[in-house]
C-alpha cells in the first residue's frame, strides 16, 4: 500500500521540501543562509557598476508599461499642484 501512495504523489511536488513550508519559515531559512554567506565572505555584494546596470534594466522594463508611467505622471502633477504652469504664466 505504501508503494501505491508513493506513486500517486510522484507528480505532486508542491508538498515537498521548501515549497511545503509556510512563507515565514522559508524567510527564516533564507535569512540564515544570507547571514552565513556574509560571515564566510562568500556573499555577493554589488559594486556601483552592477547596481547601475541593474537599475537601468529595471527602468527599461517599468518604463515600457505606459499605463504605469501615465499614473506616475498624474500623481506628480497632482502633487505639484500645477505650480510649474502657474509660475510660467
N, C-alpha and C. Protein backbone atom coordinates (compact mmCIF):
# COMPACT_ATOMS: atom_id res chain seq x y z
N UNK A 1 0.82 -1.20 0.00
CA UNK A 1 0.00 0.00 0.00
C UNK A 1 0.87 1.26 0.00
N UNK A 2 2.00 1.20 0.69
CA UNK A 2 2.88 2.35 0.75
C UNK A 2 3.43 2.68 -0.64
N UNK A 3 3.76 1.67 -1.46
CA UNK A 3 4.24 1.90 -2.82
C UNK A 3 3.20 2.64 -3.64
N UNK A 4 1.95 2.27 -3.48
CA UNK A 4 0.88 2.90 -4.23
C UNK A 4 0.76 4.39 -3.86
N UNK A 5 0.86 4.70 -2.57
CA UNK A 5 0.80 6.10 -2.13
C UNK A 5 1.96 6.89 -2.70
N UNK A 6 3.13 6.28 -2.75
CA UNK A 6 4.32 6.94 -3.27
C UNK A 6 4.14 7.27 -4.75
N UNK A 7 3.56 6.37 -5.50
CA UNK A 7 3.36 6.58 -6.93
C UNK A 7 2.36 7.70 -7.20
N UNK A 8 1.31 7.79 -6.40
CA UNK A 8 0.29 8.80 -6.64
C UNK A 8 0.81 10.20 -6.31
N UNK A 9 1.78 10.31 -5.41
CA UNK A 9 2.32 11.61 -5.03
C UNK A 9 3.51 12.02 -5.88
N UNK A 10 3.98 11.17 -6.75
CA UNK A 10 5.20 11.44 -7.51
C UNK A 10 5.09 12.73 -8.34
N UNK A 11 3.97 12.97 -8.99
CA UNK A 11 3.81 14.16 -9.83
C UNK A 11 3.54 15.42 -9.03
N UNK A 12 3.11 15.28 -7.80
CA UNK A 12 2.77 16.43 -6.97
C UNK A 12 3.98 16.83 -6.13
N UNK A 13 4.75 17.81 -6.63
CA UNK A 13 5.95 18.22 -5.90
C UNK A 13 5.68 19.39 -4.97
N UNK A 14 4.47 19.92 -4.96
CA UNK A 14 4.15 21.07 -4.13
C UNK A 14 4.23 20.75 -2.64
N UNK A 15 4.13 19.49 -2.28
CA UNK A 15 4.13 19.13 -0.87
C UNK A 15 5.49 18.61 -0.41
N UNK A 16 6.56 19.01 -1.10
CA UNK A 16 7.89 18.54 -0.75
C UNK A 16 8.83 19.71 -0.51
N UNK A 17 9.75 19.52 0.41
CA UNK A 17 10.84 20.47 0.61
C UNK A 17 10.41 21.88 0.95
N UNK A 18 11.14 22.83 0.37
CA UNK A 18 10.94 24.24 0.66
C UNK A 18 9.51 24.69 0.36
N UNK A 19 8.93 24.15 -0.71
CA UNK A 19 7.58 24.57 -1.11
C UNK A 19 6.52 24.16 -0.10
N UNK A 20 6.80 23.15 0.70
CA UNK A 20 5.79 22.70 1.67
C UNK A 20 5.80 23.54 2.93
N UNK A 21 6.81 24.38 3.10
CA UNK A 21 6.92 25.19 4.32
C UNK A 21 6.08 26.46 4.20
N UNK A 22 5.72 26.97 5.37
CA UNK A 22 4.99 28.24 5.33
C UNK A 22 5.99 29.35 4.98
N UNK A 23 5.51 30.44 4.39
CA UNK A 23 6.39 31.52 3.92
C UNK A 23 7.31 32.09 5.00
N UNK A 24 6.83 32.14 6.23
CA UNK A 24 7.65 32.67 7.33
C UNK A 24 8.87 31.78 7.57
N UNK A 25 8.67 30.47 7.54
CA UNK A 25 9.79 29.54 7.74
C UNK A 25 10.77 29.64 6.56
N UNK A 26 10.27 29.81 5.34
CA UNK A 26 11.14 29.98 4.18
C UNK A 26 12.02 31.22 4.36
N UNK A 27 11.42 32.31 4.83
CA UNK A 27 12.19 33.55 5.05
C UNK A 27 13.27 33.35 6.10
N UNK A 28 12.93 32.61 7.18
CA UNK A 28 13.92 32.35 8.24
C UNK A 28 15.12 31.61 7.68
N UNK A 29 14.88 30.58 6.90
CA UNK A 29 15.96 29.78 6.33
C UNK A 29 16.79 30.62 5.36
N UNK A 30 16.13 31.39 4.52
CA UNK A 30 16.85 32.24 3.57
C UNK A 30 17.69 33.27 4.31
N UNK A 31 17.15 33.83 5.36
CA UNK A 31 17.88 34.82 6.16
C UNK A 31 19.12 34.20 6.78
N UNK A 32 18.98 33.00 7.33
CA UNK A 32 20.14 32.31 7.92
C UNK A 32 21.21 32.05 6.88
N UNK A 33 20.79 31.66 5.69
CA UNK A 33 21.75 31.41 4.62
C UNK A 33 22.49 32.68 4.21
N UNK A 34 21.77 33.78 4.14
CA UNK A 34 22.39 35.05 3.79
C UNK A 34 23.38 35.50 4.84
N UNK A 35 23.01 35.35 6.10
CA UNK A 35 23.92 35.74 7.18
C UNK A 35 25.18 34.88 7.14
N UNK A 36 25.01 33.58 6.93
CA UNK A 36 26.16 32.68 6.90
C UNK A 36 27.10 33.03 5.74
N UNK A 37 26.53 33.36 4.59
CA UNK A 37 27.35 33.72 3.43
C UNK A 37 28.16 34.99 3.71
N UNK A 38 27.54 35.96 4.36
CA UNK A 38 28.26 37.19 4.68
C UNK A 38 29.36 36.94 5.69
N UNK A 39 29.09 36.08 6.67
CA UNK A 39 30.10 35.76 7.68
C UNK A 39 31.29 35.04 7.06
N UNK A 40 31.02 34.15 6.08
CA UNK A 40 32.09 33.43 5.40
C UNK A 40 32.82 34.30 4.39
N UNK A 41 32.18 35.38 3.98
CA UNK A 41 32.78 36.25 2.98
C UNK A 41 32.49 35.80 1.56
N UNK A 42 31.52 34.92 1.38
CA UNK A 42 31.20 34.41 0.05
C UNK A 42 29.93 35.04 -0.53
N UNK A 43 29.32 35.97 0.20
CA UNK A 43 28.09 36.60 -0.27
C UNK A 43 28.41 37.57 -1.40
N UNK A 44 27.50 37.68 -2.34
CA UNK A 44 27.70 38.62 -3.45
C UNK A 44 27.35 40.02 -2.98
N UNK A 45 28.22 40.96 -3.27
CA UNK A 45 27.94 42.35 -2.95
C UNK A 45 28.04 43.15 -4.23
N UNK A 46 27.02 43.94 -4.50
CA UNK A 46 27.00 44.76 -5.71
C UNK A 46 28.05 45.85 -5.63
N UNK A 47 28.80 46.02 -6.69
CA UNK A 47 29.62 47.23 -6.78
C UNK A 47 28.78 48.29 -7.49
N UNK A 48 29.28 49.49 -7.58
CA UNK A 48 28.46 50.57 -8.12
C UNK A 48 28.10 50.34 -9.58
N UNK A 49 28.98 49.70 -10.35
CA UNK A 49 28.69 49.43 -11.76
C UNK A 49 27.55 48.42 -11.90
N UNK A 50 27.57 47.36 -11.09
CA UNK A 50 26.50 46.36 -11.13
C UNK A 50 25.17 46.98 -10.71
N UNK A 51 25.20 47.81 -9.68
CA UNK A 51 23.97 48.46 -9.22
C UNK A 51 23.42 49.38 -10.31
N UNK A 52 24.28 50.10 -10.99
CA UNK A 52 23.85 51.00 -12.06
C UNK A 52 23.18 50.20 -13.18
N UNK A 53 23.80 49.08 -13.55
CA UNK A 53 23.26 48.24 -14.62
C UNK A 53 21.90 47.64 -14.23
N UNK A 54 21.78 47.20 -12.99
CA UNK A 54 20.52 46.64 -12.52
C UNK A 54 19.42 47.70 -12.53
N UNK A 55 19.74 48.90 -12.11
CA UNK A 55 18.77 50.00 -12.14
C UNK A 55 18.35 50.35 -13.55
N UNK A 56 19.30 50.33 -14.47
CA UNK A 56 18.99 50.64 -15.88
C UNK A 56 18.03 49.60 -16.44
N UNK A 57 18.31 48.32 -16.17
CA UNK A 57 17.44 47.25 -16.68
C UNK A 57 16.04 47.37 -16.09
N UNK A 58 15.94 47.62 -14.79
CA UNK A 58 14.64 47.77 -14.15
C UNK A 58 13.89 48.95 -14.71
N UNK A 59 14.60 50.04 -14.94
CA UNK A 59 13.97 51.23 -15.51
C UNK A 59 13.43 51.00 -16.90
N UNK A 60 14.17 50.23 -17.70
CA UNK A 60 13.70 49.92 -19.05
C UNK A 60 12.40 49.13 -19.00
N UNK A 61 12.35 48.16 -18.12
CA UNK A 61 11.17 47.30 -18.04
C UNK A 61 9.96 48.09 -17.56
N UNK A 62 10.12 48.87 -16.49
CA UNK A 62 8.97 49.58 -15.94
C UNK A 62 8.50 50.68 -16.88
N UNK A 63 9.43 51.30 -17.61
CA UNK A 63 9.01 52.39 -18.48
C UNK A 63 8.26 51.90 -19.71
N UNK A 64 8.30 50.61 -19.99
CA UNK A 64 7.54 50.06 -21.12
C UNK A 64 6.06 49.92 -20.78
N UNK A 65 5.72 49.99 -19.51
CA UNK A 65 4.33 49.90 -19.08
C UNK A 65 3.74 51.31 -19.11
N UNK A 66 3.10 51.65 -20.21
CA UNK A 66 2.62 53.02 -20.42
C UNK A 66 1.55 53.43 -19.41
N UNK A 67 0.68 52.51 -19.02
CA UNK A 67 -0.34 52.84 -18.01
C UNK A 67 0.31 53.25 -16.71
N UNK A 68 1.33 52.47 -16.31
CA UNK A 68 2.05 52.75 -15.06
C UNK A 68 2.72 54.12 -15.13
N UNK A 69 3.37 54.42 -16.24
CA UNK A 69 4.07 55.69 -16.39
C UNK A 69 3.08 56.86 -16.39
N UNK A 70 1.91 56.67 -17.03
CA UNK A 70 0.89 57.72 -17.05
C UNK A 70 0.38 58.00 -15.63
N UNK A 71 0.21 56.94 -14.85
CA UNK A 71 -0.25 57.10 -13.47
C UNK A 71 0.79 57.86 -12.65
N UNK A 72 2.04 57.54 -12.84
CA UNK A 72 3.10 58.26 -12.13
C UNK A 72 3.07 59.74 -12.49
N UNK A 73 2.92 60.03 -13.78
CA UNK A 73 2.85 61.42 -14.23
C UNK A 73 1.68 62.17 -13.63
N UNK A 74 0.53 61.51 -13.58
CA UNK A 74 -0.66 62.14 -12.98
C UNK A 74 -0.41 62.47 -11.52
N UNK A 75 0.15 61.51 -10.80
CA UNK A 75 0.40 61.73 -9.37
C UNK A 75 1.38 62.88 -9.17
N UNK A 76 2.40 62.95 -10.01
CA UNK A 76 3.36 64.04 -9.91
C UNK A 76 2.71 65.38 -10.17
N UNK A 77 1.84 65.44 -11.16
CA UNK A 77 1.13 66.67 -11.47
C UNK A 77 0.21 67.10 -10.35
N UNK A 78 -0.47 66.14 -9.75
CA UNK A 78 -1.37 66.45 -8.64
C UNK A 78 -0.58 66.92 -7.43
N UNK A 79 0.55 66.28 -7.21
CA UNK A 79 1.39 66.60 -6.06
C UNK A 79 1.95 68.02 -6.17
N UNK A 80 2.35 68.40 -7.38
CA UNK A 80 2.94 69.73 -7.55
C UNK A 80 1.86 70.81 -7.53
N UNK A 81 0.63 70.42 -7.69
CA UNK A 81 -0.47 71.38 -7.69
C UNK A 81 -0.46 72.27 -8.92
N UNK A 82 0.23 71.83 -9.95
CA UNK A 82 0.29 72.63 -11.17
C UNK A 82 1.15 73.87 -11.01
N UNK A 83 2.06 73.90 -10.05
CA UNK A 83 2.88 75.08 -9.78
C UNK A 83 3.73 75.49 -10.97
N UNK A 84 4.21 74.54 -11.70
CA UNK A 84 5.10 74.85 -12.82
C UNK A 84 4.37 75.69 -13.87
N UNK A 85 3.13 75.30 -14.18
CA UNK A 85 2.35 76.02 -15.19
C UNK A 85 2.05 77.44 -14.72
N UNK A 86 1.70 77.59 -13.45
CA UNK A 86 1.35 78.91 -12.91
C UNK A 86 2.57 79.83 -12.87
N UNK A 87 3.72 79.28 -12.54
CA UNK A 87 4.94 80.08 -12.43
C UNK A 87 5.35 80.63 -13.79
N UNK A 88 5.06 79.88 -14.86
CA UNK A 88 5.44 80.30 -16.20
C UNK A 88 4.50 81.30 -16.81
N UNK A 89 3.33 81.49 -16.26
CA UNK A 89 2.33 82.39 -16.85
C UNK A 89 2.56 83.84 -16.51
